Amino acid sequence: MLAEQALRLGFALLLPVYGVTGDSWFEFDARVCHLSLATVARCFDLDPSVIAILDEAQFLGRRVRIAQTDRARDIEMRLSLNPDAAPGIALANPAALTLLEGLGIDRTIAGMVPNDRAATTPDGPANPATPRCRSGDGRLH
């Protein structure tokens, strides 16, 4: 089912993390956000536990991790830490700067946060140690 859907969507839905099925230890992520909950749940006989995991993954926009850490153990399904967002692209620096320019973002300051604004605004660093690392005049030390 996932192979058919991957062909239809044009991108991989199964992403290997470690090993392959049949090995004593394997892990892979399954992208489920692009599919209907009923379609995927049907593969697991509409098991309520599986539906709960799939629903949570789709709600949070995350992948599902399928793993077996020992041949004698059961295969596990859990939420992956990886997001299942829309496919992304990696751009080389010149192309990325051209994209920023096209979006109207000043490419000379892209990604920079002024030092005086970093700890005083809600969008400042989430690191609670940041204010302690500042001297009295607001400079980082």
C-alpha atoms as a PDB file:
ATOM      1  CA  MET A   1       0.000   0.000   0.000  1.00  0.00           C
ATOM      2  CA  LEU A   2       2.755   2.475   0.901  1.00  0.00           C
ATOM      3  CA  ALA A   3       4.644   1.693  -2.321  1.00  0.00           C
ATOM      4  CA  GLU A   4       1.522   2.461  -4.390  1.00  0.00           C
ATOM      5  CA  GLN A   5       0.872   5.672  -2.485  1.00  0.00           C
ATOM      6  CA  ALA A   6       4.526   6.720  -2.830  1.00  0.00           C
ATOM      7  CA  LEU A   7       4.230   6.382  -6.623  1.00  0.00           C
ATOM      8  CA  ARG A   8       1.017   8.408  -6.600  1.00  0.00           C
ATOM      9  CA  LEU A   9       2.458  11.169  -4.395  1.00  0.00           C
ATOM     10  CA  GLY A  10       5.896  11.223  -6.005  1.00  0.00           C
ATOM     11  CA  PHE A  11       8.032  10.844  -2.870  1.00  0.00           C
ATOM     12  CA  ALA A  12       9.141   8.086  -0.488  1.00  0.00           C
ATOM     13  CA  LEU A  13       6.864   7.158   2.392  1.00  0.00           C
ATOM     14  CA  LEU A  14       9.248   4.659   4.010  1.00  0.00           C
ATOM     15  CA  LEU A  15      12.557   6.092   5.169  1.00  0.00           C
ATOM     16  CA  PRO A  16      15.139   3.624   6.525  1.00  0.00           C
ATOM     17  CA  VAL A  17      16.886   4.557   9.752  1.00  0.00           C
ATOM     18  CA  TYR A  18      18.855   1.392  10.483  1.00  0.00           C
ATOM     19  CA  GLY A  19      18.970  -2.062   8.923  1.00  0.00           C
ATOM     20  CA  VAL A  20      16.257  -3.715   6.840  1.00  0.00           C
ATOM     21  CA  THR A  21      13.317  -5.900   7.784  1.00  0.00           C
ATOM     22  CA  GLY A  22      14.568  -9.393   8.481  1.00  0.00           C
ATOM     23  CA  ASP A  23      17.721  -8.156  10.237  1.00  0.00           C
ATOM     24  CA  SER A  24      17.980  -8.729  13.985  1.00  0.00           C
ATOM     25  CA  TRP A  25      17.638  -4.965  14.460  1.00  0.00           C
ATOM     26  CA  PHE A  26      15.897  -2.550  12.124  1.00  0.00           C
ATOM     27  CA  GLU A  27      14.176   0.804  12.286  1.00  0.00           C
ATOM     28  CA  PHE A  28      12.388   2.879   9.681  1.00  0.00           C
ATOM     29  CA  ASP A  29      10.106   5.897   9.615  1.00  0.00           C
ATOM     30  CA  ALA A  30       6.793   5.852   7.793  1.00  0.00           C
ATOM     31  CA  ARG A  31       5.312   9.105   6.536  1.00  0.00           C
ATOM     32  CA  VAL A  32       1.615   8.922   7.396  1.00  0.00           C
ATOM     33  CA  CYS A  33       0.489  12.552   7.299  1.00  0.00           C
ATOM     34  CA  HIS A  34      -0.077  12.473   3.548  1.00  0.00           C
ATOM     35  CA  LEU A  35      -2.493   9.534   3.767  1.00  0.00           C
ATOM     36  CA  SER A  36      -5.948   9.147   5.245  1.00  0.00           C
ATOM     37  CA  LEU A  37      -6.085   7.656   8.718  1.00  0.00           C
ATOM     38  CA  ALA A  38      -8.544   4.971   7.551  1.00  0.00           C
ATOM     39  CA  THR A  39      -6.282   3.870   4.692  1.00  0.00           C
ATOM     40  CA  VAL A  40      -3.297   3.260   6.956  1.00  0.00           C
ATOM     41  CA  ALA A  41      -5.334   1.858   9.869  1.00  0.00           C
ATOM     42  CA  ARG A  42      -6.925  -0.716   7.546  1.00  0.00           C
ATOM     43  CA  CYS A  43      -3.450  -2.268   7.095  1.00  0.00           C
ATOM     44  CA  PHE A  44      -3.487  -2.983  10.837  1.00  0.00           C
ATOM     45  CA  ASP A  45      -7.068  -4.339  10.965  1.00  0.00           C
ATOM     46  CA  LEU A  46      -8.285  -1.043  12.460  1.00  0.00           C
ATOM     47  CA  ASP A  47      -6.557  -1.817  15.768  1.00  0.00           C
ATOM     48  CA  PRO A  48      -7.470   0.963  18.257  1.00  0.00           C
ATOM     49  CA  SER A  49      -3.891   1.188  19.586  1.00  0.00           C
ATOM     50  CA  VAL A  50      -2.528   1.714  16.077  1.00  0.00           C
ATOM     51  CA  ILE A  51      -5.251   4.237  15.287  1.00  0.00           C
ATOM     52  CA  ALA A  52      -4.257   6.202  18.413  1.00  0.00           C
ATOM     53  CA  ILE A  53      -0.611   6.358  17.292  1.00  0.00           C
ATOM     54  CA  LEU A  54      -1.511   7.270  13.702  1.00  0.00           C
ATOM     55  CA  ASP A  55      -3.959   9.938  14.854  1.00  0.00           C
ATOM     56  CA  GLU A  56      -1.365  11.485  17.166  1.00  0.00           C
ATOM     57  CA  ALA A  57       1.251  11.419  14.397  1.00  0.00           C
ATOM     58  CA  GLN A  58      -1.078  13.146  11.962  1.00  0.00           C
ATOM     59  CA  PHE A  59      -2.194  15.692  14.562  1.00  0.00           C
ATOM     60  CA  LEU A  60       1.415  16.572  15.483  1.00  0.00           C
ATOM     61  CA  GLY A  61       2.683  16.332  11.894  1.00  0.00           C
ATOM     62  CA  ARG A  62       5.222  13.629  12.731  1.00  0.00           C
ATOM     63  CA  ARG A  63       6.305  10.344  11.211  1.00  0.00           C
ATOM     64  CA  VAL A  64       5.732   6.912  12.745  1.00  0.00           C
ATOM     65  CA  ARG A  65       8.771   4.829  13.755  1.00  0.00           C
ATOM     66  CA  ILE A  66       8.618   1.065  13.182  1.00  0.00           C
ATOM     67  CA  ALA A  67      11.384  -0.824  14.981  1.00  0.00           C
ATOM     68  CA  GLN A  68      12.538  -4.215  16.167  1.00  0.00           C
ATOM     69  CA  THR A  69      15.528  -4.027  18.487  1.00  0.00           C
ATOM     70  CA  ASP A  70      15.982  -7.781  18.886  1.00  0.00           C
ATOM     71  CA  ARG A  71      14.756 -10.692  16.772  1.00  0.00           C
ATOM     72  CA  ALA A  72      13.116 -12.212  19.873  1.00  0.00           C
ATOM     73  CA  ARG A  73      11.144  -9.028  20.597  1.00  0.00           C
ATOM     74  CA  ASP A  74       7.943  -7.719  19.067  1.00  0.00           C
ATOM     75  CA  ILE A  75       7.983  -5.085  16.351  1.00  0.00           C
ATOM     76  CA  GLU A  76       7.147  -1.705  17.879  1.00  0.00           C
ATOM     77  CA  MET A  77       5.311   1.286  16.472  1.00  0.00           C
ATOM     78  CA  ARG A  78       5.722   4.696  18.083  1.00  0.00           C
ATOM     79  CA  LEU A  79       5.881   8.365  17.188  1.00  0.00           C
ATOM     80  CA  SER A  80       9.091   9.377  15.503  1.00  0.00           C
ATOM     81  CA  LEU A  81      10.927  12.502  16.558  1.00  0.00           C
ATOM     82  CA  ASN A  82      11.144  13.509  12.886  1.00  0.00           C
ATOM     83  CA  PRO A  83       8.568  15.877  11.453  1.00  0.00           C
ATOM     84  CA  ASP A  84       6.483  14.764   8.500  1.00  0.00           C
ATOM     85  CA  ALA A  85       6.176  18.206   6.994  1.00  0.00           C
ATOM     86  CA  ALA A  86       6.012  18.990   3.321  1.00  0.00           C
ATOM     87  CA  PRO A  87       9.115  17.930   1.441  1.00  0.00           C
ATOM     88  CA  GLY A  88      11.947  20.395   1.907  1.00  0.00           C
ATOM     89  CA  ILE A  89      14.860  21.359  -0.266  1.00  0.00           C
ATOM     90  CA  ALA A  90      18.445  22.188   0.595  1.00  0.00           C
ATOM     91  CA  LEU A  91      19.757  25.230  -1.214  1.00  0.00           C
ATOM     92  CA  ALA A  92      23.333  26.284  -1.733  1.00  0.00           C
ATOM     93  CA  ASN A  93      24.092  29.655  -0.195  1.00  0.00           C
ATOM     94  CA  PRO A  94      23.773  31.766  -3.388  1.00  0.00           C
ATOM     95  CA  ALA A  95      20.426  30.171  -4.258  1.00  0.00           C
ATOM     96  CA  ALA A  96      19.174  30.601  -0.690  1.00  0.00           C
ATOM     97  CA  LEU A  97      20.112  34.288  -0.697  1.00  0.00           C
ATOM     98  CA  THR A  98      18.349  34.751  -4.036  1.00  0.00           C
ATOM     99  CA  LEU A  99      15.243  33.125  -2.558  1.00  0.00           C
ATOM    100  CA  LEU A 100      15.359  35.464   0.464  1.00  0.00           C
ATOM    101  CA  GLU A 101      15.740  38.436  -1.842  1.00  0.00           C
ATOM    102  CA  GLY A 102      12.720  37.275  -3.850  1.00  0.00           C
ATOM    103  CA  LEU A 103      10.694  37.088  -0.637  1.00  0.00           C
ATOM    104  CA  GLY A 104      11.684  40.650   0.227  1.00  0.00           C
ATOM    105  CA  ILE A 105      13.955  39.715   3.132  1.00  0.00           C
ATOM    106  CA  ASP A 106      17.138  41.741   3.460  1.00  0.00           C
ATOM    107  CA  ARG A 107      19.824  39.185   2.676  1.00  0.00           C
ATOM    108  CA  THR A 108      22.486  41.035   4.654  1.00  0.00           C
ATOM    109  CA  ILE A 109      20.662  40.475   7.964  1.00  0.00           C
ATOM    110  CA  ALA A 110      18.871  37.185   7.250  1.00  0.00           C
ATOM    111  CA  GLY A 111      19.074  34.915  10.274  1.00  0.00           C
ATOM    112  CA  MET A 112      20.568  37.566  12.569  1.00  0.00           C
ATOM    113  CA  VAL A 113      18.978  38.681  15.834  1.00  0.00           C
ATOM    114  CA  PRO A 114      20.234  41.951  17.321  1.00  0.00           C
ATOM    115  CA  ASN A 115      21.995  41.381  20.636  1.00  0.00           C
ATOM    116  CA  ASP A 116      19.790  43.827  22.543  1.00  0.00           C
ATOM    117  CA  ARG A 117      16.616  42.152  21.220  1.00  0.00           C
ATOM    118  CA  ALA A 118      17.673  38.555  21.822  1.00  0.00           C
ATOM    119  CA  ALA A 119      16.718  38.285  25.492  1.00  0.00           C
ATOM    120  CA  THR A 120      14.050  40.979  25.725  1.00  0.00           C
ATOM    121  CA  THR A 121      11.539  39.675  23.182  1.00  0.00           C
ATOM    122  CA  PRO A 122       9.382  36.556  23.250  1.00  0.00           C
ATOM    123  CA  ASP A 123      11.100  35.300  20.096  1.00  0.00           C
ATOM    124  CA  GLY A 124      14.519  35.515  21.757  1.00  0.00           C
ATOM    125  CA  PRO A 125      16.606  32.441  22.570  1.00  0.00           C
ATOM    126  CA  ALA A 126      14.868  29.703  24.519  1.00  0.00           C
ATOM    127  CA  ASN A 127      18.052  28.975  26.464  1.00  0.00           C
ATOM    128  CA  PRO A 128      17.378  30.082  30.068  1.00  0.00           C
ATOM    129  CA  ALA A 129      21.118  30.597  30.614  1.00  0.00           C
ATOM    130  CA  THR A 130      21.234  33.433  28.038  1.00  0.00           C
ATOM    131  CA  PRO A 131      20.387  36.292  30.464  1.00  0.00           C
ATOM    132  CA  ARG A 132      23.052  35.046  32.904  1.00  0.00           C
ATOM    133  CA  CYS A 133      25.642  35.176  30.100  1.00  0.00           C
ATOM    134  CA  ARG A 134      25.140  38.884  29.587  1.00  0.00           C
ATOM    135  CA  SER A 135      27.089  41.665  31.183  1.00  0.00           C
ATOM    136  CA  GLY A 136      25.374  44.705  32.670  1.00  0.00           C
ATOM    137  CA  ASP A 137      25.347  46.586  29.346  1.00  0.00           C
ATOM    138  CA  GLY A 138      23.552  43.727  27.511  1.00  0.00           C
ATOM    139  CA  ARG A 139      26.578  42.338  25.690  1.00  0.00           C
ATOM    140  CA  LEU A 140      27.202  38.615  25.670  1.00  0.00           C
ATOM    141  CA  HIS A 141      30.392  37.599  27.449  1.00  0.00           C
END
